[in-house]
Amino acid sequence: MQLLGGEVRDADGYIFVRNASVPDERRARQILATVDEALRKSGHRAVLFDTRDMEAPSESVNAILRWWVDAGRLHDKVALLVKSDLKRIASNMRALSVGVKMRSFHELQEAEVWLRKPLPRVRAASGPAAAAAAAKDAEERPPSPFKGTLNSRGRETGTVAGSKDAGTTSESGPASRWRSPLLRGIGSGDKS
């Protein structure tokens, strides 16, 4: 399908996307909606974006594209074809740090091999023993004191529940949940 100065088409085992540019957020959303529709129609769970001849998009457009990749609603894998080694390394490092199945490549054949390689399937345990183990695990795990949302990088944002200064900021920035007991109280004067 020709779309917005580019194409979105069903390839062998994945959806292929190529655009000359993505000038604004509205255009990015239109392209991604078309990709979602192609994924729905084809039943594929993989997408390849050929960005080698594309103008660099703005940061706001990049944020929309990253959100779509991270959300992974209709896709399991995303491959990017890029020209620059720096872009390849940066996008691969970001994907690894966020935990999404996205990789960047210079060559179409490399990307296709990776896209077509099946993802390992983890079988969920079932039956009464599995249900009892899940219930026991839920009982042993303390409830999270954090009452926030996830940002575009999959990190929690918001405030710590029950804190007297919930939602306020200190000199060190917004209220946050420290992961290490050794670091609790730094910046807030609390020694707990």
C-alpha atoms as a PDB file:
ATOM      1  CA  MET A   1       0.000   0.000   0.000  1.00  0.00           C
ATOM      2  CA  GLN A   2       1.411   3.382  -0.995  1.00  0.00           C
ATOM      3  CA  LEU A   3       1.067   5.749   1.930  1.00  0.00           C
ATOM      4  CA  LEU A   4       2.251   9.231   2.752  1.00  0.00           C
ATOM      5  CA  GLY A   5       5.314   9.229   0.528  1.00  0.00           C
ATOM      6  CA  GLY A   6       6.199   5.644   1.349  1.00  0.00           C
ATOM      7  CA  GLU A   7       4.835   2.142   1.578  1.00  0.00           C
ATOM      8  CA  VAL A   8       3.467  -0.353   4.056  1.00  0.00           C
ATOM      9  CA  ARG A   9       3.240  -3.878   2.673  1.00  0.00           C
ATOM     10  CA  ASP A  10       2.939  -7.481   3.690  1.00  0.00           C
ATOM     11  CA  ALA A  11       6.294  -9.185   3.151  1.00  0.00           C
ATOM     12  CA  ASP A  12       7.113 -12.835   3.711  1.00  0.00           C
ATOM     13  CA  GLY A  13       6.528 -13.201   7.458  1.00  0.00           C
ATOM     14  CA  TYR A  14       6.554  -9.513   8.429  1.00  0.00           C
ATOM     15  CA  ILE A  15       5.212  -6.062   7.568  1.00  0.00           C
ATOM     16  CA  PHE A  16       7.640  -3.894   5.579  1.00  0.00           C
ATOM     17  CA  VAL A  17       7.511  -0.098   6.113  1.00  0.00           C
ATOM     18  CA  ARG A  18       9.449   2.572   4.223  1.00  0.00           C
ATOM     19  CA  ASN A  19       8.872   6.329   4.234  1.00  0.00           C
ATOM     20  CA  ALA A  20      10.834   9.241   2.859  1.00  0.00           C
ATOM     21  CA  SER A  21      10.040  11.304   5.956  1.00  0.00           C
ATOM     22  CA  VAL A  22       7.828  11.529   9.004  1.00  0.00           C
ATOM     23  CA  PRO A  23       7.499  15.298   9.374  1.00  0.00           C
ATOM     24  CA  ASP A  24       5.092  15.556  12.307  1.00  0.00           C
ATOM     25  CA  GLU A  25       3.269  13.691  15.055  1.00  0.00           C
ATOM     26  CA  ARG A  26       0.026  13.426  13.085  1.00  0.00           C
ATOM     27  CA  ARG A  27       1.815  11.731  10.197  1.00  0.00           C
ATOM     28  CA  ALA A  28       3.616   9.371  12.585  1.00  0.00           C
ATOM     29  CA  ARG A  29       0.296   8.292  14.109  1.00  0.00           C
ATOM     30  CA  GLN A  30      -1.217   7.760  10.640  1.00  0.00           C
ATOM     31  CA  ILE A  31       1.687   5.562   9.570  1.00  0.00           C
ATOM     32  CA  LEU A  32       1.590   3.528  12.783  1.00  0.00           C
ATOM     33  CA  ALA A  33      -2.203   3.086  12.491  1.00  0.00           C
ATOM     34  CA  THR A  34      -1.664   1.752   8.964  1.00  0.00           C
ATOM     35  CA  VAL A  35       1.056  -0.600  10.245  1.00  0.00           C
ATOM     36  CA  ASP A  36      -1.292  -1.829  13.006  1.00  0.00           C
ATOM     37  CA  GLU A  37      -4.018  -2.472  10.437  1.00  0.00           C
ATOM     38  CA  ALA A  38      -1.566  -4.384   8.202  1.00  0.00           C
ATOM     39  CA  LEU A  39      -0.484  -6.469  11.218  1.00  0.00           C
ATOM     40  CA  ARG A  40      -4.122  -7.242  12.059  1.00  0.00           C
ATOM     41  CA  LYS A  41      -4.966  -8.252   8.487  1.00  0.00           C
ATOM     42  CA  SER A  42      -1.837 -10.349   7.901  1.00  0.00           C
ATOM     43  CA  GLY A  43      -1.581 -12.032  11.294  1.00  0.00           C
ATOM     44  CA  HIS A  44       2.164 -11.289  11.320  1.00  0.00           C
ATOM     45  CA  ARG A  45       3.814 -10.262  14.585  1.00  0.00           C
ATOM     46  CA  ALA A  46       6.964  -8.669  13.098  1.00  0.00           C
ATOM     47  CA  VAL A  47       7.684  -5.301  11.459  1.00  0.00           C
ATOM     48  CA  LEU A  48      10.658  -4.034   9.482  1.00  0.00           C
ATOM     49  CA  PHE A  49      11.152  -0.265   9.148  1.00  0.00           C
ATOM     50  CA  ASP A  50      13.580   0.727   6.399  1.00  0.00           C
ATOM     51  CA  THR A  51      14.876   4.105   7.599  1.00  0.00           C
ATOM     52  CA  ARG A  52      18.057   4.183   5.512  1.00  0.00           C
ATOM     53  CA  ASP A  53      16.768   6.881   3.126  1.00  0.00           C
ATOM     54  CA  MET A  54      14.540   8.685   5.613  1.00  0.00           C
ATOM     55  CA  GLU A  55      15.186  12.165   6.935  1.00  0.00           C
ATOM     56  CA  ALA A  56      15.811  12.185  10.693  1.00  0.00           C
ATOM     57  CA  PRO A  57      12.484  12.809  12.474  1.00  0.00           C
ATOM     58  CA  SER A  58      12.006  15.311  15.285  1.00  0.00           C
ATOM     59  CA  GLU A  59      12.315  14.207  18.909  1.00  0.00           C
ATOM     60  CA  SER A  60       8.529  14.377  19.351  1.00  0.00           C
ATOM     61  CA  VAL A  61       8.056  12.019  16.391  1.00  0.00           C
ATOM     62  CA  ASN A  62      10.773   9.721  17.772  1.00  0.00           C
ATOM     63  CA  ALA A  63       8.923   9.640  21.119  1.00  0.00           C
ATOM     64  CA  ILE A  64       5.738   8.450  19.374  1.00  0.00           C
ATOM     65  CA  LEU A  65       7.648   5.787  17.461  1.00  0.00           C
ATOM     66  CA  ARG A  66       9.411   4.588  20.644  1.00  0.00           C
ATOM     67  CA  TRP A  67       6.094   4.449  22.507  1.00  0.00           C
ATOM     68  CA  TRP A  68       4.589   2.322  19.730  1.00  0.00           C
ATOM     69  CA  VAL A  69       7.550  -0.083  19.732  1.00  0.00           C
ATOM     70  CA  ASP A  70       7.554  -0.345  23.535  1.00  0.00           C
ATOM     71  CA  ALA A  71       3.788  -0.926  23.741  1.00  0.00           C
ATOM     72  CA  GLY A  72       4.057  -4.002  21.499  1.00  0.00           C
ATOM     73  CA  ARG A  73       0.307  -4.396  21.163  1.00  0.00           C
ATOM     74  CA  LEU A  74       0.237  -6.142  17.788  1.00  0.00           C
ATOM     75  CA  HIS A  75       3.899  -6.969  17.261  1.00  0.00           C
ATOM     76  CA  ASP A  76       6.520  -9.086  18.985  1.00  0.00           C
ATOM     77  CA  LYS A  77       9.577  -7.957  17.006  1.00  0.00           C
ATOM     78  CA  VAL A  78      10.646  -4.771  15.246  1.00  0.00           C
ATOM     79  CA  ALA A  79      13.697  -4.475  12.992  1.00  0.00           C
ATOM     80  CA  LEU A  80      15.173  -1.182  11.796  1.00  0.00           C
ATOM     81  CA  LEU A  81      17.357  -0.797   8.737  1.00  0.00           C
ATOM     82  CA  VAL A  82      19.748   2.104   9.337  1.00  0.00           C
ATOM     83  CA  LYS A  83      22.810   3.558   7.593  1.00  0.00           C
ATOM     84  CA  SER A  84      24.738   4.875  10.572  1.00  0.00           C
ATOM     85  CA  ASP A  85      26.736   2.685  12.963  1.00  0.00           C
ATOM     86  CA  LEU A  86      25.955   5.170  15.729  1.00  0.00           C
ATOM     87  CA  LYS A  87      22.192   4.877  15.103  1.00  0.00           C
ATOM     88  CA  ARG A  88      22.442   1.070  15.022  1.00  0.00           C
ATOM     89  CA  ILE A  89      24.329   0.925  18.318  1.00  0.00           C
ATOM     90  CA  ALA A  90      22.145   3.543  20.046  1.00  0.00           C
ATOM     91  CA  SER A  91      18.844   1.918  19.083  1.00  0.00           C
ATOM     92  CA  ASN A  92      20.074  -1.571  19.998  1.00  0.00           C
ATOM     93  CA  MET A  93      21.287  -0.345  23.401  1.00  0.00           C
ATOM     94  CA  ARG A  94      17.965   1.413  24.048  1.00  0.00           C
ATOM     95  CA  ALA A  95      16.009  -1.717  23.094  1.00  0.00           C
ATOM     96  CA  LEU A  96      18.101  -3.859  25.423  1.00  0.00           C
ATOM     97  CA  SER A  97      17.778  -1.393  28.310  1.00  0.00           C
ATOM     98  CA  VAL A  98      13.996  -1.142  27.954  1.00  0.00           C
ATOM     99  CA  GLY A  99      13.560  -4.846  27.244  1.00  0.00           C
ATOM    100  CA  VAL A 100      11.824  -4.722  23.870  1.00  0.00           C
ATOM    101  CA  LYS A 101      12.431  -7.056  20.942  1.00  0.00           C
ATOM    102  CA  MET A 102      13.841  -4.475  18.561  1.00  0.00           C
ATOM    103  CA  ARG A 103      17.144  -4.595  16.728  1.00  0.00           C
ATOM    104  CA  SER A 104      18.826  -2.406  14.127  1.00  0.00           C
ATOM    105  CA  PHE A 105      20.675  -3.694  11.096  1.00  0.00           C
ATOM    106  CA  HIS A 106      22.512  -2.397   8.042  1.00  0.00           C
ATOM    107  CA  GLU A 107      21.472  -5.230   5.712  1.00  0.00           C
ATOM    108  CA  LEU A 108      17.983  -6.414   4.800  1.00  0.00           C
ATOM    109  CA  GLN A 109      19.000 -10.091   4.853  1.00  0.00           C
ATOM    110  CA  GLU A 110      20.306  -9.854   8.445  1.00  0.00           C
ATOM    111  CA  ALA A 111      17.090  -8.190   9.578  1.00  0.00           C
ATOM    112  CA  GLU A 112      14.935 -10.812   7.849  1.00  0.00           C
ATOM    113  CA  VAL A 113      16.821 -13.686   9.481  1.00  0.00           C
ATOM    114  CA  TRP A 114      16.329 -12.114  12.912  1.00  0.00           C
ATOM    115  CA  LEU A 115      12.644 -11.312  12.273  1.00  0.00           C
ATOM    116  CA  ARG A 116      11.850 -14.827  11.109  1.00  0.00           C
ATOM    117  CA  LYS A 117      13.619 -16.552  13.985  1.00  0.00           C
ATOM    118  CA  PRO A 118      10.875 -17.713  16.364  1.00  0.00           C
ATOM    119  CA  LEU A 119      10.715 -16.293  19.848  1.00  0.00           C
ATOM    120  CA  PRO A 120      11.158 -18.815  22.646  1.00  0.00           C
ATOM    121  CA  ARG A 121       7.823 -19.721  24.167  1.00  0.00           C
ATOM    122  CA  VAL A 122       7.503 -20.054  27.906  1.00  0.00           C
ATOM    123  CA  ARG A 123       4.853 -22.506  28.943  1.00  0.00           C
ATOM    124  CA  ALA A 124       2.794 -21.320  31.836  1.00  0.00           C
ATOM    125  CA  ALA A 125       2.294 -23.893  34.542  1.00  0.00           C
ATOM    126  CA  SER A 126      -1.301 -24.877  35.100  1.00  0.00           C
ATOM    127  CA  GLY A 127      -3.307 -26.867  37.542  1.00  0.00           C
ATOM    128  CA  PRO A 128      -3.915 -26.683  41.286  1.00  0.00           C
ATOM    129  CA  ALA A 129      -0.213 -26.746  42.222  1.00  0.00           C
ATOM    130  CA  ALA A 130       0.563 -23.773  39.955  1.00  0.00           C
ATOM    131  CA  ALA A 131      -2.404 -21.807  41.334  1.00  0.00           C
ATOM    132  CA  ALA A 132      -1.284 -22.488  44.911  1.00  0.00           C
ATOM    133  CA  ALA A 133       2.304 -21.425  44.100  1.00  0.00           C
ATOM    134  CA  ALA A 134       1.069 -18.184  42.477  1.00  0.00           C
ATOM    135  CA  ALA A 135      -1.139 -17.407  45.496  1.00  0.00           C
ATOM    136  CA  LYS A 136       1.750 -18.077  47.908  1.00  0.00           C
ATOM    137  CA  ASP A 137       4.051 -15.834  45.864  1.00  0.00           C
ATOM    138  CA  ALA A 138       1.459 -13.035  45.934  1.00  0.00           C
ATOM    139  CA  GLU A 139       1.093 -13.352  49.721  1.00  0.00           C
ATOM    140  CA  GLU A 140       4.854 -13.249  50.331  1.00  0.00           C
ATOM    141  CA  ARG A 141       5.446 -10.240  48.117  1.00  0.00           C
ATOM    142  CA  PRO A 142       4.812  -6.993  49.977  1.00  0.00           C
ATOM    143  CA  PRO A 143       2.476  -4.580  48.238  1.00  0.00           C
ATOM    144  CA  SER A 144       4.251  -1.886  46.315  1.00  0.00           C
ATOM    145  CA  PRO A 145       4.140   1.462  48.096  1.00  0.00           C
ATOM    146  CA  PHE A 146       4.370   3.124  44.726  1.00  0.00           C
ATOM    147  CA  LYS A 147       1.206   4.653  43.295  1.00  0.00           C
ATOM    148  CA  GLY A 148       2.276   6.041  39.948  1.00  0.00           C
ATOM    149  CA  THR A 149       2.324   5.356  36.247  1.00  0.00           C
ATOM    150  CA  LEU A 150       4.928   4.173  33.782  1.00  0.00           C
ATOM    151  CA  ASN A 151       6.680   6.710  31.587  1.00  0.00           C
ATOM    152  CA  SER A 152       7.702   6.159  27.959  1.00  0.00           C
ATOM    153  CA  ARG A 153      10.828   4.289  29.100  1.00  0.00           C
ATOM    154  CA  GLY A 154       8.821   1.872  31.262  1.00  0.00           C
ATOM    155  CA  ARG A 155       9.928   3.485  34.506  1.00  0.00           C
ATOM    156  CA  GLU A 156       7.587   4.391  37.326  1.00  0.00           C
ATOM    157  CA  THR A 157       6.681   8.019  37.846  1.00  0.00           C
ATOM    158  CA  GLY A 158       4.550   9.569  40.551  1.00  0.00           C
ATOM    159  CA  THR A 159       4.722   9.534  44.312  1.00  0.00           C
ATOM    160  CA  VAL A 160       5.285   7.116  47.160  1.00  0.00           C
ATOM    161  CA  ALA A 161       1.988   6.189  48.812  1.00  0.00           C
ATOM    162  CA  GLY A 162       1.644   7.162  52.413  1.00  0.00           C
ATOM    163  CA  SER A 163       4.510   9.628  52.432  1.00  0.00           C
ATOM    164  CA  LYS A 164       3.633  12.852  54.184  1.00  0.00           C
ATOM    165  CA  ASP A 165       5.085  14.827  51.284  1.00  0.00           C
ATOM    166  CA  ALA A 166       3.473  12.706  48.542  1.00  0.00           C
ATOM    167  CA  GLY A 167       3.600  14.603  45.303  1.00  0.00           C
ATOM    168  CA  THR A 168       5.935  17.271  46.546  1.00  0.00           C
ATOM    169  CA  THR A 169       9.523  17.723  45.606  1.00  0.00           C
ATOM    170  CA  SER A 170      12.652  18.148  47.678  1.00  0.00           C
ATOM    171  CA  GLU A 171      15.882  19.833  46.691  1.00  0.00           C
ATOM    172  CA  SER A 172      16.894  16.628  44.913  1.00  0.00           C
ATOM    173  CA  GLY A 173      13.757  16.453  42.724  1.00  0.00           C
ATOM    174  CA  PRO A 174      10.405  14.644  42.755  1.00  0.00           C
ATOM    175  CA  ALA A 175       9.531  12.154  45.466  1.00  0.00           C
ATOM    176  CA  SER A 176      10.715   8.708  44.438  1.00  0.00           C
ATOM    177  CA  ARG A 177      11.044   5.170  45.680  1.00  0.00           C
ATOM    178  CA  TRP A 178      14.629   4.215  46.519  1.00  0.00           C
ATOM    179  CA  ARG A 179      15.590   0.728  45.512  1.00  0.00           C
ATOM    180  CA  SER A 180      18.336   0.367  48.121  1.00  0.00           C
ATOM    181  CA  PRO A 181      17.759   0.639  51.887  1.00  0.00           C
ATOM    182  CA  LEU A 182      21.157   2.345  52.100  1.00  0.00           C
ATOM    183  CA  LEU A 183      19.935   5.206  49.935  1.00  0.00           C
ATOM    184  CA  ARG A 184      16.615   5.850  51.668  1.00  0.00           C
ATOM    185  CA  GLY A 185      16.462   9.252  53.215  1.00  0.00           C
ATOM    186  CA  ILE A 186      19.212  10.809  51.109  1.00  0.00           C
ATOM    187  CA  GLY A 187      18.002  14.206  49.941  1.00  0.00           C
ATOM    188  CA  SER A 188      15.001  14.260  52.273  1.00  0.00           C
ATOM    189  CA  GLY A 189      16.813  14.368  55.622  1.00  0.00           C
ATOM    190  CA  ASP A 190      15.000  11.193  56.747  1.00  0.00           C
ATOM    191  CA  LYS A 191      17.237   8.476  58.227  1.00  0.00           C
ATOM    192  CA  SER A 192      14.726   5.618  58.012  1.00  0.00           C
END
